[in-house]
Amino acid sequence: MNRLLELLLPLYLGVDTRWGAPSERDERGSVTTEHVLWAVAVIAIVGIVVAALKAYVTSQAGNIK
């Protein structure tokens, strides 16, 4: 069990035990994170626009006689 931990722990921490330097990490997930952040930003902007339009329409509907 200890041998398994010795093999897996450096991989989890991103350290190459042969040289003591960080191993090359795969950064493919960073694009996914960027897309998620952009999607959240777009949803927030759309929500603000919808709230502003709703407030405008509600106020104009109150002016109808």
N, C-alpha and C. Protein backbone atom coordinates (compact mmCIF):
# COMPACT_ATOMS: atom_id res chain seq x y z
N MET A 1 0.82 -1.19 0.00
CA MET A 1 0.00 0.00 0.00
C MET A 1 0.87 1.26 0.00
N ASN A 2 1.98 1.24 0.77
CA ASN A 2 2.86 2.40 0.80
C ASN A 2 3.48 2.67 -0.56
N ARG A 3 3.82 1.61 -1.27
CA ARG A 3 4.42 1.78 -2.60
C ARG A 3 3.43 2.45 -3.55
N LEU A 4 2.15 2.09 -3.44
CA LEU A 4 1.12 2.69 -4.27
C LEU A 4 1.00 4.18 -3.95
N LEU A 5 1.03 4.54 -2.67
CA LEU A 5 0.97 5.94 -2.28
C LEU A 5 2.19 6.71 -2.78
N GLU A 6 3.36 6.07 -2.73
CA GLU A 6 4.58 6.71 -3.22
C GLU A 6 4.49 7.01 -4.71
N LEU A 7 3.76 6.19 -5.44
CA LEU A 7 3.62 6.41 -6.87
C LEU A 7 2.52 7.42 -7.20
N LEU A 8 1.41 7.36 -6.47
CA LEU A 8 0.27 8.19 -6.80
C LEU A 8 0.34 9.61 -6.23
N LEU A 9 0.90 9.77 -5.05
CA LEU A 9 0.94 11.08 -4.42
C LEU A 9 1.73 12.11 -5.24
N PRO A 10 2.90 11.79 -5.75
CA PRO A 10 3.59 12.78 -6.60
C PRO A 10 2.81 13.12 -7.86
N LEU A 11 2.10 12.16 -8.42
CA LEU A 11 1.29 12.45 -9.60
C LEU A 11 0.17 13.42 -9.25
N TYR A 12 -0.43 13.22 -8.09
CA TYR A 12 -1.51 14.10 -7.64
C TYR A 12 -0.99 15.50 -7.37
N LEU A 13 0.19 15.61 -6.79
CA LEU A 13 0.75 16.91 -6.45
C LEU A 13 1.44 17.57 -7.64
N GLY A 14 1.67 16.84 -8.71
CA GLY A 14 2.31 17.39 -9.90
C GLY A 14 3.81 17.50 -9.76
N VAL A 15 4.42 16.66 -8.97
CA VAL A 15 5.87 16.70 -8.78
C VAL A 15 6.48 15.46 -9.39
N ASP A 16 7.50 15.67 -10.19
CA ASP A 16 8.23 14.54 -10.77
C ASP A 16 9.31 14.13 -9.78
N THR A 17 9.15 12.98 -9.16
CA THR A 17 10.06 12.55 -8.09
C THR A 17 11.44 12.17 -8.62
N ARG A 18 11.57 11.91 -9.90
CA ARG A 18 12.88 11.54 -10.43
C ARG A 18 13.82 12.73 -10.41
N TRP A 19 13.31 13.92 -10.68
CA TRP A 19 14.16 15.10 -10.79
C TRP A 19 13.86 16.14 -9.71
N GLY A 20 12.75 15.99 -9.00
CA GLY A 20 12.40 16.95 -7.97
C GLY A 20 11.77 18.23 -8.51
N ALA A 21 11.49 18.25 -9.79
CA ALA A 21 10.90 19.43 -10.41
C ALA A 21 9.44 19.16 -10.73
N PRO A 22 8.63 20.21 -10.84
CA PRO A 22 7.23 20.00 -11.21
C PRO A 22 7.12 19.34 -12.59
N SER A 23 6.23 18.40 -12.70
CA SER A 23 6.04 17.74 -13.99
C SER A 23 5.19 18.65 -14.88
N GLU A 24 5.23 18.38 -16.17
CA GLU A 24 4.42 19.16 -17.10
C GLU A 24 2.96 18.82 -16.85
N ARG A 25 2.16 19.85 -16.64
CA ARG A 25 0.75 19.64 -16.35
C ARG A 25 -0.06 19.89 -17.60
N ASP A 26 -1.07 19.11 -17.75
CA ASP A 26 -1.96 19.26 -18.89
C ASP A 26 -2.94 20.39 -18.59
N GLU A 27 -3.01 21.40 -19.46
CA GLU A 27 -3.85 22.57 -19.22
C GLU A 27 -5.08 22.58 -20.12
N ARG A 28 -5.51 21.41 -20.56
CA ARG A 28 -6.69 21.37 -21.42
C ARG A 28 -7.94 21.86 -20.71
N GLY A 29 -8.04 21.69 -19.40
CA GLY A 29 -9.22 22.10 -18.65
C GLY A 29 -9.35 23.60 -18.51
N SER A 30 -8.28 24.36 -18.76
CA SER A 30 -8.34 25.80 -18.58
C SER A 30 -9.29 26.43 -19.61
N VAL A 31 -9.40 25.87 -20.79
CA VAL A 31 -10.32 26.40 -21.79
C VAL A 31 -11.76 26.20 -21.31
N THR A 32 -12.03 25.08 -20.71
CA THR A 32 -13.37 24.81 -20.19
C THR A 32 -13.72 25.81 -19.10
N THR A 33 -12.79 26.10 -18.22
CA THR A 33 -13.03 27.07 -17.16
C THR A 33 -13.30 28.45 -17.75
N GLU A 34 -12.55 28.82 -18.76
CA GLU A 34 -12.76 30.11 -19.41
C GLU A 34 -14.16 30.17 -20.04
N HIS A 35 -14.59 29.12 -20.67
CA HIS A 35 -15.92 29.09 -21.27
C HIS A 35 -17.01 29.21 -20.22
N VAL A 36 -16.82 28.54 -19.10
CA VAL A 36 -17.81 28.62 -18.01
C VAL A 36 -17.90 30.05 -17.48
N LEU A 37 -16.75 30.69 -17.29
CA LEU A 37 -16.77 32.07 -16.80
C LEU A 37 -17.44 33.02 -17.79
N TRP A 38 -17.18 32.85 -19.08
CA TRP A 38 -17.85 33.68 -20.08
C TRP A 38 -19.36 33.42 -20.09
N ALA A 39 -19.75 32.17 -19.95
CA ALA A 39 -21.17 31.84 -19.93
C ALA A 39 -21.85 32.49 -18.72
N VAL A 40 -21.22 32.46 -17.57
CA VAL A 40 -21.79 33.10 -16.37
C VAL A 40 -21.90 34.60 -16.58
N ALA A 41 -20.89 35.22 -17.20
CA ALA A 41 -20.93 36.66 -17.46
C ALA A 41 -22.06 37.01 -18.42
N VAL A 42 -22.23 36.23 -19.47
CA VAL A 42 -23.30 36.49 -20.44
C VAL A 42 -24.66 36.33 -19.78
N ILE A 43 -24.83 35.31 -18.96
CA ILE A 43 -26.10 35.10 -18.27
C ILE A 43 -26.40 36.27 -17.34
N ALA A 44 -25.38 36.78 -16.65
CA ALA A 44 -25.58 37.93 -15.76
C ALA A 44 -25.98 39.17 -16.54
N ILE A 45 -25.34 39.41 -17.67
CA ILE A 45 -25.67 40.58 -18.50
C ILE A 45 -27.09 40.47 -19.04
N VAL A 46 -27.45 39.31 -19.51
CA VAL A 46 -28.81 39.09 -20.02
C VAL A 46 -29.83 39.30 -18.90
N GLY A 47 -29.52 38.83 -17.71
CA GLY A 47 -30.42 39.03 -16.58
C GLY A 47 -30.62 40.50 -16.25
N ILE A 48 -29.55 41.28 -16.33
CA ILE A 48 -29.65 42.72 -16.08
C ILE A 48 -30.50 43.39 -17.15
N VAL A 49 -30.31 43.03 -18.40
CA VAL A 49 -31.08 43.61 -19.49
C VAL A 49 -32.56 43.24 -19.35
N VAL A 50 -32.86 42.00 -19.03
CA VAL A 50 -34.25 41.58 -18.86
C VAL A 50 -34.90 42.33 -17.70
N ALA A 51 -34.18 42.49 -16.60
CA ALA A 51 -34.73 43.22 -15.45
C ALA A 51 -35.00 44.68 -15.81
N ALA A 52 -34.10 45.31 -16.57
CA ALA A 52 -34.29 46.70 -16.97
C ALA A 52 -35.49 46.83 -17.90
N LEU A 53 -35.63 45.92 -18.87
CA LEU A 53 -36.77 45.97 -19.78
C LEU A 53 -38.08 45.73 -19.03
N LYS A 54 -38.08 44.81 -18.11
CA LYS A 54 -39.28 44.53 -17.34
C LYS A 54 -39.68 45.75 -16.51
N ALA A 55 -38.71 46.42 -15.90
CA ALA A 55 -39.01 47.62 -15.11
C ALA A 55 -39.56 48.73 -16.01
N TYR A 56 -38.99 48.89 -17.20
CA TYR A 56 -39.46 49.92 -18.13
C TYR A 56 -40.89 49.63 -18.58
N VAL A 57 -41.15 48.40 -18.97
CA VAL A 57 -42.48 48.04 -19.45
C VAL A 57 -43.51 48.18 -18.33
N THR A 58 -43.15 47.79 -17.13
CA THR A 58 -44.07 47.91 -15.99
C THR A 58 -44.38 49.38 -15.71
N SER A 59 -43.37 50.23 -15.76
CA SER A 59 -43.61 51.65 -15.51
C SER A 59 -44.44 52.28 -16.61
N GLN A 60 -44.23 51.88 -17.85
CA GLN A 60 -45.03 52.42 -18.96
C GLN A 60 -46.46 51.89 -18.91
N ALA A 61 -46.64 50.68 -18.46
CA ALA A 61 -47.99 50.12 -18.35
C ALA A 61 -48.79 50.86 -17.27
N GLY A 62 -48.11 51.37 -16.26
CA GLY A 62 -48.78 52.15 -15.22
C GLY A 62 -49.27 53.48 -15.74
N ASN A 63 -48.73 53.98 -16.84
CA ASN A 63 -49.14 55.27 -17.41
C ASN A 63 -50.35 55.15 -18.32
N ILE A 64 -50.78 53.95 -18.64
CA ILE A 64 -51.94 53.76 -19.53
C ILE A 64 -53.21 54.12 -18.75
N LYS A 65 -54.06 54.95 -19.40
CA LYS A 65 -55.31 55.38 -18.75
C LYS A 65 -56.48 54.61 -19.32
